[in-house]
Amino acid sequence: MAVGKEIRGKIKSVENTKKITKAMEMVAASKMRKAQDRMRAARPYSEKIRNIAANLATANPEYTHPFLAEEQKDSAKAVGFVIVTTDKGLCGGMNTNILRMVTAKTRELETAGNKIAAVAIGNKGLGFLNRVGIPVVAQVTQIGDTPHLEKLIGPVKVMLEKFQNGEVDAVYLCYTKFINTMKQEPVVEQLLPLPAAKTQADAGNHNWDYIYEPDAATVIDELLERYVEALVYQSVAENLASEQSARMVAMKSASDNAGSVIGELKLIYNKTRQAAITKELSEIVAGAAAV
């Protein structure tokens, strides 16, 4: 019964795959809870500093930081992207969705005559940028399950220095935002300069004014540095929570599909075995009748 033996081998192979996907689902579920707790703990700080930076942009300080430029130049030299993706795969269409959105945005900017430069956070984004030929000015991979700000901020500062030197006129932050376990949303938002439309919405219709100690330049420089660090860290935390959730859902789907395949293969095996038994009985009966 060579056919039956082959089917048994397939069943065994799919059962082994199902064990792996089930184990990966359980590991992702465990990591997901920790990643979600870390992401939720970071959200209040990042939202607060985002609001303060937005209010600061509507104030009339004696010192205006380059990050607070109200609008982009008419002739942009280049546009920078900070692209946050995962280091590993097997997490559904999460990376595909954010990279598809990045591709659409870069094509739109290139059509308008802009050059593109990028910072890659994560292996998948780095591989994508190398394939499509977008220059990578800095990169960081192998972030692990716990992001560390000192590891992330170095590559991002390369892009910030380009912005301050006038080599880049705008910086976009691209990541996957965690909505819930079943939904993760790709986001491409302007990091620098602070968007004027968002500023007005966050700050309301009233004007803000501040008293600075020791002086405006020192306070605003430190504040906006914390602003960028907070947003980058939050984007990585959101991306890690999204990754584990997407991987858990993908592995659960794979386990369910493996179970369906095993059921179909067992049905085919039983039908094949039954046909072989029926054939043997028919041969025995025919032989007995001949005798």
C-alpha atoms as a PDB file:
ATOM      1  CA  MET A   1       0.000   0.000   0.000  1.00  0.00           C
ATOM      2  CA  ALA A   2       2.452   2.565  -1.270  1.00  0.00           C
ATOM      3  CA  VAL A   3      -0.227   5.231  -1.650  1.00  0.00           C
ATOM      4  CA  GLY A   4      -1.447   4.723   1.937  1.00  0.00           C
ATOM      5  CA  LYS A   5       2.102   4.922   3.259  1.00  0.00           C
ATOM      6  CA  GLU A   6       2.648   8.198   1.401  1.00  0.00           C
ATOM      7  CA  ILE A   7      -0.537   9.680   2.873  1.00  0.00           C
ATOM      8  CA  ARG A   8       0.488   8.570   6.385  1.00  0.00           C
ATOM      9  CA  GLY A   9       3.796  10.378   5.864  1.00  0.00           C
ATOM     10  CA  LYS A  10       1.971  13.561   4.851  1.00  0.00           C
ATOM     11  CA  ILE A  11      -0.296  13.331   7.889  1.00  0.00           C
ATOM     12  CA  LYS A  12       2.709  12.931  10.178  1.00  0.00           C
ATOM     13  CA  SER A  13       4.439  15.901   8.552  1.00  0.00           C
ATOM     14  CA  VAL A  14       1.390  18.185   8.941  1.00  0.00           C
ATOM     15  CA  GLU A  15       0.931  17.045  12.564  1.00  0.00           C
ATOM     16  CA  ASN A  16       4.549  18.053  13.311  1.00  0.00           C
ATOM     17  CA  THR A  17       3.952  21.437  11.650  1.00  0.00           C
ATOM     18  CA  LYS A  18       0.812  21.891  13.739  1.00  0.00           C
ATOM     19  CA  LYS A  19       2.781  21.250  16.944  1.00  0.00           C
ATOM     20  CA  ILE A  20       5.276  23.945  15.944  1.00  0.00           C
ATOM     21  CA  THR A  21       2.633  26.533  15.043  1.00  0.00           C
ATOM     22  CA  LYS A  22       0.709  25.790  18.261  1.00  0.00           C
ATOM     23  CA  ALA A  23       3.867  26.295  20.329  1.00  0.00           C
ATOM     24  CA  MET A  24       4.641  29.547  18.483  1.00  0.00           C
ATOM     25  CA  GLU A  25       1.071  30.724  19.101  1.00  0.00           C
ATOM     26  CA  MET A  26       1.434  30.149  22.851  1.00  0.00           C
ATOM     27  CA  VAL A  27       4.844  31.878  22.957  1.00  0.00           C
ATOM     28  CA  ALA A  28       3.452  34.871  21.023  1.00  0.00           C
ATOM     29  CA  ALA A  29       0.455  35.071  23.392  1.00  0.00           C
ATOM     30  CA  SER A  30       2.814  35.195  26.388  1.00  0.00           C
ATOM     31  CA  LYS A  31       5.049  37.862  24.809  1.00  0.00           C
ATOM     32  CA  MET A  32       2.018  39.819  23.599  1.00  0.00           C
ATOM     33  CA  ARG A  33       0.807  40.541  27.126  1.00  0.00           C
ATOM     34  CA  LYS A  34       4.211  41.919  28.161  1.00  0.00           C
ATOM     35  CA  ALA A  35       4.519  43.967  24.970  1.00  0.00           C
ATOM     36  CA  GLN A  36       1.034  45.421  25.427  1.00  0.00           C
ATOM     37  CA  ASP A  37       1.781  46.378  29.039  1.00  0.00           C
ATOM     38  CA  ARG A  38       5.020  48.091  27.950  1.00  0.00           C
ATOM     39  CA  MET A  39       3.257  49.909  25.117  1.00  0.00           C
ATOM     40  CA  ARG A  40       0.377  51.098  27.326  1.00  0.00           C
ATOM     41  CA  ALA A  41       2.836  52.277  30.001  1.00  0.00           C
ATOM     42  CA  ALA A  42       4.665  54.428  27.427  1.00  0.00           C
ATOM     43  CA  ARG A  43       1.537  55.965  25.857  1.00  0.00           C
ATOM     44  CA  PRO A  44       0.669  58.616  28.526  1.00  0.00           C
ATOM     45  CA  TYR A  45       4.186  60.132  28.438  1.00  0.00           C
ATOM     46  CA  SER A  46       4.368  60.226  24.638  1.00  0.00           C
ATOM     47  CA  GLU A  47       0.877  61.748  24.363  1.00  0.00           C
ATOM     48  CA  LYS A  48       1.674  64.394  26.986  1.00  0.00           C
ATOM     49  CA  ILE A  49       4.959  65.450  25.421  1.00  0.00           C
ATOM     50  CA  ARG A  50       3.276  65.496  22.011  1.00  0.00           C
ATOM     51  CA  ASN A  51       0.678  67.918  23.385  1.00  0.00           C
ATOM     52  CA  ILE A  52       3.343  70.115  25.019  1.00  0.00           C
ATOM     53  CA  ALA A  53       5.312  70.276  21.762  1.00  0.00           C
ATOM     54  CA  ALA A  54       2.111  71.110  19.888  1.00  0.00           C
ATOM     55  CA  ASN A  55       1.301  73.924  22.339  1.00  0.00           C
ATOM     56  CA  LEU A  56       4.869  75.180  22.143  1.00  0.00           C
ATOM     57  CA  ALA A  57       4.614  75.503  18.366  1.00  0.00           C
ATOM     58  CA  THR A  58       1.662  77.905  18.719  1.00  0.00           C
ATOM     59  CA  ALA A  59       3.416  80.028  21.341  1.00  0.00           C
ATOM     60  CA  ASN A  60       5.559  83.026  20.446  1.00  0.00           C
ATOM     61  CA  PRO A  61       8.882  82.292  22.108  1.00  0.00           C
ATOM     62  CA  GLU A  62      11.968  84.399  21.666  1.00  0.00           C
ATOM     63  CA  TYR A  63      13.721  81.297  20.312  1.00  0.00           C
ATOM     64  CA  THR A  64      12.374  79.173  17.430  1.00  0.00           C
ATOM     65  CA  HIS A  65      13.816  75.677  17.080  1.00  0.00           C
ATOM     66  CA  PRO A  66      14.280  74.224  13.554  1.00  0.00           C
ATOM     67  CA  PHE A  67      11.923  71.364  14.507  1.00  0.00           C
ATOM     68  CA  LEU A  68       9.092  73.918  14.845  1.00  0.00           C
ATOM     69  CA  ALA A  69       9.221  75.176  11.249  1.00  0.00           C
ATOM     70  CA  GLU A  70       5.637  75.876  10.283  1.00  0.00           C
ATOM     71  CA  GLU A  71       5.844  74.639   6.719  1.00  0.00           C
ATOM     72  CA  GLN A  72       8.208  72.866   4.379  1.00  0.00           C
ATOM     73  CA  LYS A  73      10.350  74.665   1.840  1.00  0.00           C
ATOM     74  CA  ASP A  74       9.002  75.096  -1.683  1.00  0.00           C
ATOM     75  CA  SER A  75      11.893  73.169  -3.204  1.00  0.00           C
ATOM     76  CA  ALA A  76      12.556  70.190  -0.969  1.00  0.00           C
ATOM     77  CA  LYS A  77      16.009  68.640  -1.270  1.00  0.00           C
ATOM     78  CA  ALA A  78      15.098  65.330   0.315  1.00  0.00           C
ATOM     79  CA  VAL A  79      12.571  63.664   2.585  1.00  0.00           C
ATOM     80  CA  GLY A  80      13.582  61.269   5.346  1.00  0.00           C
ATOM     81  CA  PHE A  81      11.742  58.194   6.575  1.00  0.00           C
ATOM     82  CA  VAL A  82      12.136  56.325   9.860  1.00  0.00           C
ATOM     83  CA  ILE A  83      10.683  52.896   9.061  1.00  0.00           C
ATOM     84  CA  VAL A  84       9.893  50.561  11.965  1.00  0.00           C
ATOM     85  CA  THR A  85       9.351  46.896  11.079  1.00  0.00           C
ATOM     86  CA  THR A  86       9.964  43.519  12.686  1.00  0.00           C
ATOM     87  CA  ASP A  87      13.176  41.497  12.770  1.00  0.00           C
ATOM     88  CA  LYS A  88      11.336  38.205  12.218  1.00  0.00           C
ATOM     89  CA  GLY A  89       8.574  37.046   9.919  1.00  0.00           C
ATOM     90  CA  LEU A  90       5.539  34.779  10.445  1.00  0.00           C
ATOM     91  CA  CYS A  91       3.358  37.684  11.587  1.00  0.00           C
ATOM     92  CA  GLY A  92       0.783  37.794   8.796  1.00  0.00           C
ATOM     93  CA  GLY A  93       0.563  40.819   6.543  1.00  0.00           C
ATOM     94  CA  MET A  94       1.767  43.306   9.151  1.00  0.00           C
ATOM     95  CA  ASN A  95       5.077  44.222   7.484  1.00  0.00           C
ATOM     96  CA  THR A  96       3.546  44.034   4.021  1.00  0.00           C
ATOM     97  CA  ASN A  97       0.875  46.588   4.943  1.00  0.00           C
ATOM     98  CA  ILE A  98       3.257  49.208   6.348  1.00  0.00           C
ATOM     99  CA  LEU A  99       5.785  48.739   3.524  1.00  0.00           C
ATOM    100  CA  ARG A 100       3.026  49.069   0.941  1.00  0.00           C
ATOM    101  CA  MET A 101       2.003  52.375   2.542  1.00  0.00           C
ATOM    102  CA  VAL A 102       5.636  53.539   2.601  1.00  0.00           C
ATOM    103  CA  THR A 103       5.976  52.642  -1.094  1.00  0.00           C
ATOM    104  CA  ALA A 104       2.908  54.711  -1.983  1.00  0.00           C
ATOM    105  CA  LYS A 105       4.216  57.691   0.002  1.00  0.00           C
ATOM    106  CA  THR A 106       7.725  57.524  -1.468  1.00  0.00           C
ATOM    107  CA  ARG A 107       6.356  57.309  -5.026  1.00  0.00           C
ATOM    108  CA  GLU A 108       4.185  60.348  -4.357  1.00  0.00           C
ATOM    109  CA  LEU A 109       7.186  62.324  -3.067  1.00  0.00           C
ATOM    110  CA  GLU A 110       9.501  61.171  -5.860  1.00  0.00           C
ATOM    111  CA  THR A 111       6.908  62.216  -8.437  1.00  0.00           C
ATOM    112  CA  ALA A 112       6.994  65.701  -6.868  1.00  0.00           C
ATOM    113  CA  GLY A 113      10.776  65.767  -7.390  1.00  0.00           C
ATOM    114  CA  ASN A 114      11.952  64.804  -3.893  1.00  0.00           C
ATOM    115  CA  LYS A 115      14.826  62.489  -3.059  1.00  0.00           C
ATOM    116  CA  ILE A 116      14.292  59.841  -0.384  1.00  0.00           C
ATOM    117  CA  ALA A 117      16.559  58.759   2.492  1.00  0.00           C
ATOM    118  CA  ALA A 118      15.642  56.317   5.228  1.00  0.00           C
ATOM    119  CA  VAL A 119      16.504  54.938   8.644  1.00  0.00           C
ATOM    120  CA  ALA A 120      15.619  51.259   9.038  1.00  0.00           C
ATOM    121  CA  ILE A 121      14.574  49.850  12.403  1.00  0.00           C
ATOM    122  CA  GLY A 122      14.107  46.108  11.946  1.00  0.00           C
ATOM    123  CA  ASN A 123      15.418  43.508   9.465  1.00  0.00           C
ATOM    124  CA  LYS A 124      12.325  43.378   7.269  1.00  0.00           C
ATOM    125  CA  GLY A 125      12.360  47.107   6.564  1.00  0.00           C
ATOM    126  CA  LEU A 126      16.124  47.045   5.925  1.00  0.00           C
ATOM    127  CA  GLY A 127      15.753  44.233   3.395  1.00  0.00           C
ATOM    128  CA  PHE A 128      12.890  46.065   1.671  1.00  0.00           C
ATOM    129  CA  LEU A 129      14.846  49.334   1.397  1.00  0.00           C
ATOM    130  CA  ASN A 130      17.860  47.521  -0.074  1.00  0.00           C
ATOM    131  CA  ARG A 131      15.651  45.761  -2.634  1.00  0.00           C
ATOM    132  CA  VAL A 132      13.915  48.922  -3.852  1.00  0.00           C
ATOM    133  CA  GLY A 133      17.144  50.939  -3.856  1.00  0.00           C
ATOM    134  CA  ILE A 134      16.258  53.602  -1.264  1.00  0.00           C
ATOM    135  CA  PRO A 135      19.448  54.907   0.458  1.00  0.00           C
ATOM    136  CA  VAL A 136      19.727  53.764   4.086  1.00  0.00           C
ATOM    137  CA  VAL A 137      21.613  56.357   6.149  1.00  0.00           C
ATOM    138  CA  ALA A 138      21.417  54.375   9.419  1.00  0.00           C
ATOM    139  CA  GLN A 139      19.973  51.126  10.697  1.00  0.00           C
ATOM    140  CA  VAL A 140      19.322  49.127  13.833  1.00  0.00           C
ATOM    141  CA  THR A 141      18.296  45.460  13.925  1.00  0.00           C
ATOM    142  CA  GLN A 142      17.911  42.684  16.493  1.00  0.00           C
ATOM    143  CA  ILE A 143      15.950  44.901  18.880  1.00  0.00           C
ATOM    144  CA  GLY A 144      14.656  41.907  20.842  1.00  0.00           C
ATOM    145  CA  ASP A 145      11.466  41.785  22.880  1.00  0.00           C
ATOM    146  CA  THR A 146      12.401  44.781  25.039  1.00  0.00           C
ATOM    147  CA  PRO A 147      13.300  48.008  23.181  1.00  0.00           C
ATOM    148  CA  HIS A 148      16.074  50.157  24.662  1.00  0.00           C
ATOM    149  CA  LEU A 149      16.062  53.865  23.886  1.00  0.00           C
ATOM    150  CA  GLU A 150      19.852  54.195  23.857  1.00  0.00           C
ATOM    151  CA  LYS A 151      20.001  51.600  21.062  1.00  0.00           C
ATOM    152  CA  LEU A 152      17.236  53.263  19.021  1.00  0.00           C
ATOM    153  CA  ILE A 153      18.086  56.938  19.280  1.00  0.00           C
ATOM    154  CA  GLY A 154      21.574  56.700  17.699  1.00  0.00           C
ATOM    155  CA  PRO A 155      20.419  55.883  14.141  1.00  0.00           C
ATOM    156  CA  VAL A 156      17.502  58.323  14.440  1.00  0.00           C
ATOM    157  CA  LYS A 157      19.884  61.144  15.416  1.00  0.00           C
ATOM    158  CA  VAL A 158      21.613  60.695  12.063  1.00  0.00           C
ATOM    159  CA  MET A 159      18.354  61.700  10.376  1.00  0.00           C
ATOM    160  CA  LEU A 160      17.769  64.538  12.857  1.00  0.00           C
ATOM    161  CA  GLU A 161      21.214  65.959  12.106  1.00  0.00           C
ATOM    162  CA  LYS A 162      20.416  65.857   8.400  1.00  0.00           C
ATOM    163  CA  PHE A 163      17.205  67.775   9.115  1.00  0.00           C
ATOM    164  CA  GLN A 164      19.002  70.395  11.210  1.00  0.00           C
ATOM    165  CA  ASN A 165      21.703  70.793   8.557  1.00  0.00           C
ATOM    166  CA  GLY A 166      19.086  71.399   5.881  1.00  0.00           C
ATOM    167  CA  GLU A 167      19.873  68.191   3.956  1.00  0.00           C
ATOM    168  CA  VAL A 168      16.377  66.865   4.682  1.00  0.00           C
ATOM    169  CA  ASP A 169      13.283  69.077   4.761  1.00  0.00           C
ATOM    170  CA  ALA A 170      10.826  66.641   6.404  1.00  0.00           C
ATOM    171  CA  VAL A 171      10.978  63.402   8.378  1.00  0.00           C
ATOM    172  CA  TYR A 172       8.194  60.810   8.446  1.00  0.00           C
ATOM    173  CA  LEU A 173       7.773  58.099  11.069  1.00  0.00           C
ATOM    174  CA  CYS A 174       6.337  54.805   9.744  1.00  0.00           C
ATOM    175  CA  TYR A 175       5.189  52.020  12.059  1.00  0.00           C
ATOM    176  CA  THR A 176       2.263  49.721  12.871  1.00  0.00           C
ATOM    177  CA  LYS A 177      -0.062  51.058  15.554  1.00  0.00           C
ATOM    178  CA  PHE A 178      -1.646  48.613  17.975  1.00  0.00           C
ATOM    179  CA  ILE A 179      -5.452  48.938  18.040  1.00  0.00           C
ATOM    180  CA  ASN A 180      -6.430  45.601  19.578  1.00  0.00           C
ATOM    181  CA  THR A 181      -5.403  41.964  19.374  1.00  0.00           C
ATOM    182  CA  MET A 182      -7.190  41.443  16.060  1.00  0.00           C
ATOM    183  CA  LYS A 183      -6.411  44.822  14.458  1.00  0.00           C
ATOM    184  CA  GLN A 184      -3.136  46.614  13.799  1.00  0.00           C
ATOM    185  CA  GLU A 185      -3.066  49.789  11.728  1.00  0.00           C
ATOM    186  CA  PRO A 186      -0.124  50.960   9.552  1.00  0.00           C
ATOM    187  CA  VAL A 187       0.715  54.619  10.213  1.00  0.00           C
ATOM    188  CA  VAL A 188       2.853  57.095   8.260  1.00  0.00           C
ATOM    189  CA  GLU A 189       2.953  60.380  10.207  1.00  0.00           C
ATOM    190  CA  GLN A 190       5.075  63.495   9.913  1.00  0.00           C
ATOM    191  CA  LEU A 191       7.623  63.637  12.706  1.00  0.00           C
ATOM    192  CA  LEU A 192       9.481  66.803  11.679  1.00  0.00           C
ATOM    193  CA  PRO A 193       8.788  69.610  11.269  1.00  0.00           C
ATOM    194  CA  LEU A 194       5.905  69.517  13.747  1.00  0.00           C
ATOM    195  CA  PRO A 195       2.815  69.489  11.507  1.00  0.00           C
ATOM    196  CA  ALA A 196       0.980  72.828  11.650  1.00  0.00           C
ATOM    197  CA  ALA A 197      -2.489  71.324  11.136  1.00  0.00           C
ATOM    198  CA  LYS A 198      -1.985  68.828  13.946  1.00  0.00           C
ATOM    199  CA  THR A 199      -0.576  71.572  16.131  1.00  0.00           C
ATOM    200  CA  GLN A 200      -3.704  73.708  15.796  1.00  0.00           C
ATOM    201  CA  ALA A 201      -5.969  70.746  16.482  1.00  0.00           C
ATOM    202  CA  ASP A 202      -4.042  69.743  19.617  1.00  0.00           C
ATOM    203  CA  ALA A 203      -3.559  73.240  20.948  1.00  0.00           C
ATOM    204  CA  GLY A 204      -7.084  74.532  20.389  1.00  0.00           C
ATOM    205  CA  ASN A 205      -7.990  78.075  19.403  1.00  0.00           C
ATOM    206  CA  HIS A 206      -6.184  79.879  22.238  1.00  0.00           C
ATOM    207  CA  ASN A 207      -2.567  81.036  22.287  1.00  0.00           C
ATOM    208  CA  TRP A 208       0.072  79.621  24.603  1.00  0.00           C
ATOM    209  CA  ASP A 209       2.941  81.402  26.255  1.00  0.00           C
ATOM    210  CA  TYR A 210       5.668  80.127  28.562  1.00  0.00           C
ATOM    211  CA  ILE A 211       8.308  81.416  30.957  1.00  0.00           C
ATOM    212  CA  TYR A 212      11.642  79.652  30.478  1.00  0.00           C
ATOM    213  CA  GLU A 213      14.330  78.939  33.069  1.00  0.00           C
ATOM    214  CA  PRO A 214      17.271  79.245  32.561  1.00  0.00           C
ATOM    215  CA  ASP A 215      16.560  80.300  28.952  1.00  0.00           C
ATOM    216  CA  ALA A 216      14.307  79.393  26.016  1.00  0.00           C
ATOM    217  CA  ALA A 217      17.026  77.780  23.881  1.00  0.00           C
ATOM    218  CA  THR A 218      18.105  75.303  26.588  1.00  0.00           C
ATOM    219  CA  VAL A 219      14.550  74.307  27.552  1.00  0.00           C
ATOM    220  CA  ILE A 220      13.191  73.997  24.005  1.00  0.00           C
ATOM    221  CA  ASP A 221      16.232  72.047  22.754  1.00  0.00           C
ATOM    222  CA  GLU A 222      15.900  69.516  25.582  1.00  0.00           C
ATOM    223  CA  LEU A 223      12.113  69.310  25.241  1.00  0.00           C
ATOM    224  CA  LEU A 224      12.121  68.644  21.513  1.00  0.00           C
ATOM    225  CA  GLU A 225      14.883  66.072  21.895  1.00  0.00           C
ATOM    226  CA  ARG A 226      12.691  64.263  24.434  1.00  0.00           C
ATOM    227  CA  TYR A 227       9.754  64.703  22.036  1.00  0.00           C
ATOM    228  CA  VAL A 228      11.512  62.863  19.214  1.00  0.00           C
ATOM    229  CA  GLU A 229      12.864  60.152  21.549  1.00  0.00           C
ATOM    230  CA  ALA A 230       9.411  59.568  23.051  1.00  0.00           C
ATOM    231  CA  LEU A 231       7.732  59.235  19.661  1.00  0.00           C
ATOM    232  CA  VAL A 232      10.394  56.864  18.316  1.00  0.00           C
ATOM    233  CA  TYR A 233      10.283  54.685  21.450  1.00  0.00           C
ATOM    234  CA  GLN A 234       6.479  54.656  21.407  1.00  0.00           C
ATOM    235  CA  SER A 235       6.427  53.654  17.726  1.00  0.00           C
ATOM    236  CA  VAL A 236       8.772  50.711  18.428  1.00  0.00           C
ATOM    237  CA  ALA A 237       6.694  49.665  21.479  1.00  0.00           C
ATOM    238  CA  GLU A 238       3.499  49.842  19.391  1.00  0.00           C
ATOM    239  CA  ASN A 239       5.183  47.845  16.624  1.00  0.00           C
ATOM    240  CA  LEU A 240       6.346  45.106  19.038  1.00  0.00           C
ATOM    241  CA  ALA A 241       2.853  44.768  20.530  1.00  0.00           C
ATOM    242  CA  SER A 242       1.399  44.606  17.014  1.00  0.00           C
ATOM    243  CA  GLU A 243       4.003  42.017  15.997  1.00  0.00           C
ATOM    244  CA  GLN A 244       3.193  39.606  18.811  1.00  0.00           C
ATOM    245  CA  SER A 245      -0.556  40.016  18.306  1.00  0.00           C
ATOM    246  CA  ALA A 246      -0.260  39.479  14.550  1.00  0.00           C
ATOM    247  CA  ARG A 247       1.998  36.446  15.069  1.00  0.00           C
ATOM    248  CA  MET A 248      -0.398  34.910  17.588  1.00  0.00           C
ATOM    249  CA  VAL A 249      -3.338  35.313  15.183  1.00  0.00           C
ATOM    250  CA  ALA A 250      -1.291  34.033  12.218  1.00  0.00           C
ATOM    251  CA  MET A 251      -0.078  30.965  14.121  1.00  0.00           C
ATOM    252  CA  LYS A 252      -3.602  30.217  15.376  1.00  0.00           C
ATOM    253  CA  SER A 253      -4.839  30.388  11.801  1.00  0.00           C
ATOM    254  CA  ALA A 254      -1.984  28.114  10.688  1.00  0.00           C
ATOM    255  CA  SER A 255      -2.811  25.606  13.454  1.00  0.00           C
ATOM    256  CA  ASP A 256      -6.482  25.605  12.449  1.00  0.00           C
ATOM    257  CA  ASN A 257      -5.588  25.137   8.789  1.00  0.00           C
ATOM    258  CA  ALA A 258      -3.230  22.286   9.687  1.00  0.00           C
ATOM    259  CA  GLY A 259      -6.066  20.600  11.580  1.00  0.00           C
ATOM    260  CA  SER A 260      -8.300  20.899   8.511  1.00  0.00           C
ATOM    261  CA  VAL A 261      -5.593  19.452   6.253  1.00  0.00           C
ATOM    262  CA  ILE A 262      -5.050  16.546   8.667  1.00  0.00           C
ATOM    263  CA  GLY A 263      -8.788  15.809   8.635  1.00  0.00           C
ATOM    264  CA  GLU A 264      -8.896  15.810   4.839  1.00  0.00           C
ATOM    265  CA  LEU A 265      -5.801  13.597   4.582  1.00  0.00           C
ATOM    266  CA  LYS A 266      -7.228  11.092   7.084  1.00  0.00           C
ATOM    267  CA  LEU A 267     -10.454  10.935   5.077  1.00  0.00           C
ATOM    268  CA  ILE A 268      -8.481  10.271   1.869  1.00  0.00           C
ATOM    269  CA  TYR A 269      -6.365   7.662   3.680  1.00  0.00           C
ATOM    270  CA  ASN A 270      -9.450   5.838   5.005  1.00  0.00           C
ATOM    271  CA  LYS A 271     -11.072   5.869   1.562  1.00  0.00           C
ATOM    272  CA  THR A 272      -7.875   4.510  -0.028  1.00  0.00           C
ATOM    273  CA  ARG A 273      -7.562   1.815   2.644  1.00  0.00           C
ATOM    274  CA  GLN A 274     -11.220   0.835   2.248  1.00  0.00           C
ATOM    275  CA  ALA A 275     -10.807   0.583  -1.528  1.00  0.00           C
ATOM    276  CA  ALA A 276      -7.733  -1.657  -1.101  1.00  0.00           C
ATOM    277  CA  ILE A 277      -9.576  -3.941   1.344  1.00  0.00           C
ATOM    278  CA  THR A 278     -12.580  -4.164  -0.995  1.00  0.00           C
ATOM    279  CA  LYS A 279     -10.273  -5.053  -3.886  1.00  0.00           C
ATOM    280  CA  GLU A 280      -8.580  -7.822  -1.869  1.00  0.00           C
ATOM    281  CA  LEU A 281     -11.944  -9.271  -0.837  1.00  0.00           C
ATOM    282  CA  SER A 282     -13.116  -9.217  -4.443  1.00  0.00           C
ATOM    283  CA  GLU A 283      -9.965 -11.107  -5.543  1.00  0.00           C
ATOM    284  CA  ILE A 284     -10.441 -13.698  -2.766  1.00  0.00           C
ATOM    285  CA  VAL A 285     -14.087 -14.236  -3.711  1.00  0.00           C
ATOM    286  CA  ALA A 286     -13.220 -14.461  -7.405  1.00  0.00           C
ATOM    287  CA  GLY A 287     -10.463 -16.997  -6.652  1.00  0.00           C
ATOM    288  CA  ALA A 288     -12.799 -19.118  -4.483  1.00  0.00           C
ATOM    289  CA  ALA A 289     -15.466 -19.094  -7.196  1.00  0.00           C
ATOM    290  CA  ALA A 290     -12.926 -20.228  -9.793  1.00  0.00           C
ATOM    291  CA  VAL A 291     -11.884 -23.195  -7.616  1.00  0.00           C
END
